[in-house]
Amino acid sequence: MTEVATSKTYHHGNLRAELLDTAVEQLKHTGAEDLSLRALARAIGVSQTAPYRHFADKSELLAAMATRGTGS
């Protein structure tokens, strides 16, 4: 059903964790100054405003990344 596909792209199971994971991956290829919450949202496939429910801005995302560590 198309409704299920639409719901899947709209609702993300654990968006905060996915944002952090995707940000870490992007940081491997670019500098912190090039990270963008909206670009991360596009990469994950959620609305460009969805990350702002978890992070007020990029500096809050970077702080969460630093607190979390890279998992290595």
PDB file of N, CA and C in Angstrom:
ATOM      1  N   MET A   1       0.825  -1.186   0.000  1.00  0.00           N
ATOM      2  CA  MET A   1       0.000   0.000   0.000  1.00  0.00           C
ATOM      3  C   MET A   1       0.867   1.246   0.000  1.00  0.00           C
ATOM      4  N   THR A   2       0.466   2.258  -0.691  1.00  0.00           N
ATOM      5  CA  THR A   2       1.262   3.478  -0.735  1.00  0.00           C
ATOM      6  C   THR A   2       1.239   4.214   0.590  1.00  0.00           C
ATOM      7  N   GLU A   3       0.187   4.057   1.364  1.00  0.00           N
ATOM      8  CA  GLU A   3       0.114   4.714   2.666  1.00  0.00           C
ATOM      9  C   GLU A   3       1.222   4.224   3.590  1.00  0.00           C
ATOM     10  N   VAL A   4       1.534   2.939   3.546  1.00  0.00           N
ATOM     11  CA  VAL A   4       2.598   2.380   4.366  1.00  0.00           C
ATOM     12  C   VAL A   4       3.942   2.965   3.954  1.00  0.00           C
ATOM     13  N   ALA A   5       4.202   3.059   2.665  1.00  0.00           N
ATOM     14  CA  ALA A   5       5.464   3.615   2.189  1.00  0.00           C
ATOM     15  C   ALA A   5       5.607   5.069   2.624  1.00  0.00           C
ATOM     16  N   THR A   6       4.526   5.836   2.545  1.00  0.00           N
ATOM     17  CA  THR A   6       4.568   7.233   2.964  1.00  0.00           C
ATOM     18  C   THR A   6       4.825   7.325   4.456  1.00  0.00           C
ATOM     19  N   SER A   7       4.165   6.492   5.241  1.00  0.00           N
ATOM     20  CA  SER A   7       4.367   6.506   6.687  1.00  0.00           C
ATOM     21  C   SER A   7       5.800   6.164   7.039  1.00  0.00           C
ATOM     22  N   LYS A   8       6.393   5.224   6.310  1.00  0.00           N
ATOM     23  CA  LYS A   8       7.756   4.809   6.611  1.00  0.00           C
ATOM     24  C   LYS A   8       8.743   5.953   6.397  1.00  0.00           C
ATOM     25  N   THR A   9       8.558   6.751   5.357  1.00  0.00           N
ATOM     26  CA  THR A   9       9.472   7.857   5.125  1.00  0.00           C
ATOM     27  C   THR A   9       9.214   8.999   6.098  1.00  0.00           C
ATOM     28  N   TYR A  10       7.978   9.120   6.581  1.00  0.00           N
ATOM     29  CA  TYR A  10       7.652  10.206   7.501  1.00  0.00           C
ATOM     30  C   TYR A  10       8.122   9.902   8.910  1.00  0.00           C
ATOM     31  N   HIS A  11       7.882   8.696   9.379  1.00  0.00           N
ATOM     32  CA  HIS A  11       8.231   8.331  10.749  1.00  0.00           C
ATOM     33  C   HIS A  11       9.514   7.511  10.752  1.00  0.00           C
ATOM     34  N   HIS A  12      10.420   7.922  11.581  1.00  0.00           N
ATOM     35  CA  HIS A  12      11.700   7.230  11.666  1.00  0.00           C
ATOM     36  C   HIS A  12      11.804   6.622  13.056  1.00  0.00           C
ATOM     37  N   GLY A  13      12.223   5.379  13.137  1.00  0.00           N
ATOM     38  CA  GLY A  13      12.286   4.674  14.416  1.00  0.00           C
ATOM     39  C   GLY A  13      13.127   5.353  15.478  1.00  0.00           C
ATOM     40  N   ASN A  14      14.361   5.685  15.180  1.00  0.00           N
ATOM     41  CA  ASN A  14      15.238   6.343  16.143  1.00  0.00           C
ATOM     42  C   ASN A  14      16.042   7.405  15.400  1.00  0.00           C
ATOM     43  N   LEU A  15      15.377   8.513  15.140  1.00  0.00           N
ATOM     44  CA  LEU A  15      15.976   9.556  14.320  1.00  0.00           C
ATOM     45  C   LEU A  15      17.219  10.143  14.957  1.00  0.00           C
ATOM     46  N   ARG A  16      17.223  10.339  16.253  1.00  0.00           N
ATOM     47  CA  ARG A  16      18.386  10.919  16.925  1.00  0.00           C
ATOM     48  C   ARG A  16      19.639  10.073  16.667  1.00  0.00           C
ATOM     49  N   ALA A  17      19.526   8.767  16.883  1.00  0.00           N
ATOM     50  CA  ALA A  17      20.666   7.871  16.667  1.00  0.00           C
ATOM     51  C   ALA A  17      21.087   7.861  15.202  1.00  0.00           C
ATOM     52  N   GLU A  18      20.123   7.861  14.295  1.00  0.00           N
ATOM     53  CA  GLU A  18      20.441   7.855  12.868  1.00  0.00           C
ATOM     54  C   GLU A  18      21.116   9.158  12.454  1.00  0.00           C
ATOM     55  N   LEU A  19      20.680  10.274  13.010  1.00  0.00           N
ATOM     56  CA  LEU A  19      21.331  11.556  12.728  1.00  0.00           C
ATOM     57  C   LEU A  19      22.781  11.539  13.203  1.00  0.00           C
ATOM     58  N   LEU A  20      22.992  11.030  14.392  1.00  0.00           N
ATOM     59  CA  LEU A  20      24.351  10.953  14.929  1.00  0.00           C
ATOM     60  C   LEU A  20      25.226  10.033  14.085  1.00  0.00           C
ATOM     61  N   ASP A  21      24.706   8.871  13.730  1.00  0.00           N
ATOM     62  CA  ASP A  21      25.472   7.927  12.899  1.00  0.00           C
ATOM     63  C   ASP A  21      25.823   8.535  11.542  1.00  0.00           C
ATOM     64  N   THR A  22      24.846   9.173  10.922  1.00  0.00           N
ATOM     65  CA  THR A  22      25.060   9.771   9.606  1.00  0.00           C
ATOM     66  C   THR A  22      26.025  10.942   9.699  1.00  0.00           C
ATOM     67  N   ALA A  23      25.919  11.721  10.755  1.00  0.00           N
ATOM     68  CA  ALA A  23      26.840  12.850  10.949  1.00  0.00           C
ATOM     69  C   ALA A  23      28.276  12.366  11.115  1.00  0.00           C
ATOM     70  N   VAL A  24      28.463  11.291  11.870  1.00  0.00           N
ATOM     71  CA  VAL A  24      29.808  10.729  12.053  1.00  0.00           C
ATOM     72  C   VAL A  24      30.359  10.275  10.705  1.00  0.00           C
ATOM     73  N   GLU A  25      29.536   9.605   9.902  1.00  0.00           N
ATOM     74  CA  GLU A  25      29.980   9.152   8.579  1.00  0.00           C
ATOM     75  C   GLU A  25      30.339  10.335   7.688  1.00  0.00           C
ATOM     76  N   GLN A  26      29.515  11.370   7.702  1.00  0.00           N
ATOM     77  CA  GLN A  26      29.800  12.535   6.865  1.00  0.00           C
ATOM     78  C   GLN A  26      31.045  13.261   7.343  1.00  0.00           C
ATOM     79  N   LEU A  27      31.259  13.263   8.642  1.00  0.00           N
ATOM     80  CA  LEU A  27      32.431  13.934   9.201  1.00  0.00           C
ATOM     81  C   LEU A  27      33.730  13.267   8.761  1.00  0.00           C
ATOM     82  N   LYS A  28      33.655  11.984   8.413  1.00  0.00           N
ATOM     83  CA  LYS A  28      34.833  11.275   7.907  1.00  0.00           C
ATOM     84  C   LYS A  28      35.263  11.807   6.542  1.00  0.00           C
ATOM     85  N   HIS A  29      34.327  12.433   5.823  1.00  0.00           N
ATOM     86  CA  HIS A  29      34.591  12.897   4.461  1.00  0.00           C
ATOM     87  C   HIS A  29      34.629  14.412   4.323  1.00  0.00           C
ATOM     88  N   THR A  30      34.211  15.123   5.360  1.00  0.00           N
ATOM     89  CA  THR A  30      34.135  16.580   5.291  1.00  0.00           C
ATOM     90  C   THR A  30      34.415  17.172   6.665  1.00  0.00           C
ATOM     91  N   GLY A  31      34.596  18.443   6.732  1.00  0.00           N
ATOM     92  CA  GLY A  31      34.837  19.096   8.011  1.00  0.00           C
ATOM     93  C   GLY A  31      33.548  19.400   8.750  1.00  0.00           C
ATOM     94  N   ALA A  32      33.661  19.683  10.036  1.00  0.00           N
ATOM     95  CA  ALA A  32      32.499  19.985  10.870  1.00  0.00           C
ATOM     96  C   ALA A  32      31.748  21.203  10.348  1.00  0.00           C
ATOM     97  N   GLU A  33      32.472  22.151   9.771  1.00  0.00           N
ATOM     98  CA  GLU A  33      31.820  23.357   9.264  1.00  0.00           C
ATOM     99  C   GLU A  33      30.870  23.055   8.112  1.00  0.00           C
ATOM    100  N   ASP A  34      31.053  21.914   7.442  1.00  0.00           N
ATOM    101  CA  ASP A  34      30.195  21.549   6.318  1.00  0.00           C
ATOM    102  C   ASP A  34      29.009  20.670   6.717  1.00  0.00           C
ATOM    103  N   LEU A  35      28.949  20.261   7.980  1.00  0.00           N
ATOM    104  CA  LEU A  35      27.788  19.489   8.432  1.00  0.00           C
ATOM    105  C   LEU A  35      26.566  20.388   8.462  1.00  0.00           C
ATOM    106  N   SER A  36      25.428  19.836   8.099  1.00  0.00           N
ATOM    107  CA  SER A  36      24.179  20.583   8.075  1.00  0.00           C
ATOM    108  C   SER A  36      23.052  19.661   8.543  1.00  0.00           C
ATOM    109  N   LEU A  37      22.243  20.128   9.469  1.00  0.00           N
ATOM    110  CA  LEU A  37      21.114  19.325   9.930  1.00  0.00           C
ATOM    111  C   LEU A  37      20.152  19.036   8.781  1.00  0.00           C
ATOM    112  N   ARG A  38      19.930  20.012   7.944  1.00  0.00           N
ATOM    113  CA  ARG A  38      19.021  19.804   6.808  1.00  0.00           C
ATOM    114  C   ARG A  38      19.592  18.801   5.808  1.00  0.00           C
ATOM    115  N   ALA A  39      20.884  18.873   5.560  1.00  0.00           N
ATOM    116  CA  ALA A  39      21.516  17.912   4.647  1.00  0.00           C
ATOM    117  C   ALA A  39      21.477  16.505   5.240  1.00  0.00           C
ATOM    118  N   LEU A  40      21.672  16.397   6.549  1.00  0.00           N
ATOM    119  CA  LEU A  40      21.564  15.086   7.203  1.00  0.00           C
ATOM    120  C   LEU A  40      20.157  14.533   7.044  1.00  0.00           C
ATOM    121  N   ALA A  41      19.161  15.395   7.206  1.00  0.00           N
ATOM    122  CA  ALA A  41      17.766  14.964   7.045  1.00  0.00           C
ATOM    123  C   ALA A  41      17.523  14.442   5.635  1.00  0.00           C
ATOM    124  N   ARG A  42      18.028  15.155   4.646  1.00  0.00           N
ATOM    125  CA  ARG A  42      17.859  14.696   3.261  1.00  0.00           C
ATOM    126  C   ARG A  42      18.538  13.340   3.057  1.00  0.00           C
ATOM    127  N   ALA A  43      19.714  13.166   3.627  1.00  0.00           N
ATOM    128  CA  ALA A  43      20.443  11.905   3.474  1.00  0.00           C
ATOM    129  C   ALA A  43      19.691  10.734   4.103  1.00  0.00           C
ATOM    130  N   ILE A  44      18.998  11.000   5.194  1.00  0.00           N
ATOM    131  CA  ILE A  44      18.259   9.955   5.905  1.00  0.00           C
ATOM    132  C   ILE A  44      16.881   9.732   5.288  1.00  0.00           C
ATOM    133  N   GLY A  45      16.351  10.764   4.657  1.00  0.00           N
ATOM    134  CA  GLY A  45      15.043  10.638   4.018  1.00  0.00           C
ATOM    135  C   GLY A  45      13.888  11.105   4.888  1.00  0.00           C
ATOM    136  N   VAL A  46      14.156  12.066   5.765  1.00  0.00           N
ATOM    137  CA  VAL A  46      13.089  12.648   6.587  1.00  0.00           C
ATOM    138  C   VAL A  46      12.959  14.121   6.220  1.00  0.00           C
ATOM    139  N   SER A  47      11.943  14.786   6.741  1.00  0.00           N
ATOM    140  CA  SER A  47      11.764  16.201   6.442  1.00  0.00           C
ATOM    141  C   SER A  47      12.963  16.988   6.953  1.00  0.00           C
ATOM    142  N   GLN A  48      13.229  18.099   6.310  1.00  0.00           N
ATOM    143  CA  GLN A  48      14.396  18.890   6.673  1.00  0.00           C
ATOM    144  C   GLN A  48      14.261  19.556   8.038  1.00  0.00           C
ATOM    145  N   THR A  49      13.071  19.591   8.577  1.00  0.00           N
ATOM    146  CA  THR A  49      12.887  20.176   9.909  1.00  0.00           C
ATOM    147  C   THR A  49      12.889  19.123  11.021  1.00  0.00           C
ATOM    148  N   ALA A  50      12.801  17.844  10.665  1.00  0.00           N
ATOM    149  CA  ALA A  50      12.745  16.770  11.667  1.00  0.00           C
ATOM    150  C   ALA A  50      13.933  16.759  12.635  1.00  0.00           C
ATOM    151  N   PRO A  51      15.165  16.988  12.184  1.00  0.00           N
ATOM    152  CA  PRO A  51      16.297  16.961  13.126  1.00  0.00           C
ATOM    153  C   PRO A  51      16.189  17.993  14.244  1.00  0.00           C
ATOM    154  N   TYR A  52      15.454  19.071  13.996  1.00  0.00           N
ATOM    155  CA  TYR A  52      15.339  20.130  14.999  1.00  0.00           C
ATOM    156  C   TYR A  52      14.474  19.715  16.189  1.00  0.00           C
ATOM    157  N   ARG A  53      13.826  18.571  16.098  1.00  0.00           N
ATOM    158  CA  ARG A  53      13.117  18.016  17.261  1.00  0.00           C
ATOM    159  C   ARG A  53      14.099  17.375  18.239  1.00  0.00           C
ATOM    160  N   HIS A  54      15.298  17.093  17.754  1.00  0.00           N
ATOM    161  CA  HIS A  54      16.313  16.432  18.573  1.00  0.00           C
ATOM    162  C   HIS A  54      17.502  17.337  18.891  1.00  0.00           C
ATOM    163  N   PHE A  55      17.794  18.261  18.006  1.00  0.00           N
ATOM    164  CA  PHE A  55      18.936  19.166  18.181  1.00  0.00           C
ATOM    165  C   PHE A  55      18.498  20.575  17.817  1.00  0.00           C
ATOM    166  N   ALA A  56      18.772  21.528  18.696  1.00  0.00           N
ATOM    167  CA  ALA A  56      18.379  22.916  18.447  1.00  0.00           C
ATOM    168  C   ALA A  56      19.149  23.510  17.275  1.00  0.00           C
ATOM    169  N   ASP A  57      20.401  23.084  17.130  1.00  0.00           N
ATOM    170  CA  ASP A  57      21.248  23.598  16.058  1.00  0.00           C
ATOM    171  C   ASP A  57      22.445  22.677  15.867  1.00  0.00           C
ATOM    172  N   LYS A  58      23.304  23.042  14.946  1.00  0.00           N
ATOM    173  CA  LYS A  58      24.457  22.204  14.625  1.00  0.00           C
ATOM    174  C   LYS A  58      25.401  22.053  15.815  1.00  0.00           C
ATOM    175  N   SER A  59      25.557  23.107  16.615  1.00  0.00           N
ATOM    176  CA  SER A  59      26.469  23.003  17.756  1.00  0.00           C
ATOM    177  C   SER A  59      25.957  21.977  18.771  1.00  0.00           C
ATOM    178  N   GLU A  60      24.649  21.862  18.902  1.00  0.00           N
ATOM    179  CA  GLU A  60      24.098  20.844  19.799  1.00  0.00           C
ATOM    180  C   GLU A  60      24.328  19.439  19.238  1.00  0.00           C
ATOM    181  N   LEU A  61      24.225  19.294  17.933  1.00  0.00           N
ATOM    182  CA  LEU A  61      24.531  18.013  17.280  1.00  0.00           C
ATOM    183  C   LEU A  61      25.996  17.645  17.512  1.00  0.00           C
ATOM    184  N   LEU A  62      26.895  18.595  17.309  1.00  0.00           N
ATOM    185  CA  LEU A  62      28.319  18.333  17.507  1.00  0.00           C
ATOM    186  C   LEU A  62      28.625  17.975  18.957  1.00  0.00           C
ATOM    187  N   ALA A  63      27.966  18.634  19.906  1.00  0.00           N
ATOM    188  CA  ALA A  63      28.155  18.316  21.320  1.00  0.00           C
ATOM    189  C   ALA A  63      27.681  16.902  21.612  1.00  0.00           C
ATOM    190  N   ALA A  64      26.549  16.501  21.029  1.00  0.00           N
ATOM    191  CA  ALA A  64      26.045  15.142  21.241  1.00  0.00           C
ATOM    192  C   ALA A  64      26.997  14.123  20.625  1.00  0.00           C
ATOM    193  N   MET A  65      27.570  14.457  19.483  1.00  0.00           N
ATOM    194  CA  MET A  65      28.542  13.559  18.851  1.00  0.00           C
ATOM    195  C   MET A  65      29.764  13.403  19.752  1.00  0.00           C
ATOM    196  N   ALA A  66      30.223  14.485  20.325  1.00  0.00           N
ATOM    197  CA  ALA A  66      31.401  14.431  21.202  1.00  0.00           C
ATOM    198  C   ALA A  66      31.105  13.646  22.464  1.00  0.00           C
ATOM    199  N   THR A  67      29.912  13.819  23.014  1.00  0.00           N
ATOM    200  CA  THR A  67      29.518  13.100  24.221  1.00  0.00           C
ATOM    201  C   THR A  67      29.386  11.614  23.957  1.00  0.00           C
ATOM    202  N   ARG A  68      28.805  11.298  22.813  1.00  0.00           N
ATOM    203  CA  ARG A  68      28.575   9.891  22.421  1.00  0.00           C
ATOM    204  C   ARG A  68      29.869   9.196  22.064  1.00  0.00           C
ATOM    205  N   GLY A  69      30.801   9.916  21.459  1.00  0.00           N
ATOM    206  CA  GLY A  69      32.017   9.283  20.962  1.00  0.00           C
ATOM    207  C   GLY A  69      31.764   8.665  19.604  1.00  0.00           C
ATOM    208  N   THR A  70      32.758   8.087  19.028  1.00  0.00           N
ATOM    209  CA  THR A  70      32.614   7.518  17.703  1.00  0.00           C
ATOM    210  C   THR A  70      32.354   6.023  17.730  1.00  0.00           C
ATOM    211  N   GLY A  71      32.331   5.432  18.912  1.00  0.00           N
ATOM    212  CA  GLY A  71      32.055   4.012  19.006  1.00  0.00           C
ATOM    213  C   GLY A  71      33.214   3.132  18.620  1.00  0.00           C
ATOM    214  N   SER A  72      34.409   3.703  18.564  1.00  0.00           N
ATOM    215  CA  SER A  72      35.551   2.878  18.151  1.00  0.00           C
ATOM    216  C   SER A  72      36.192   2.188  19.323  1.00  0.00           C
TER     217      SER A  72
END
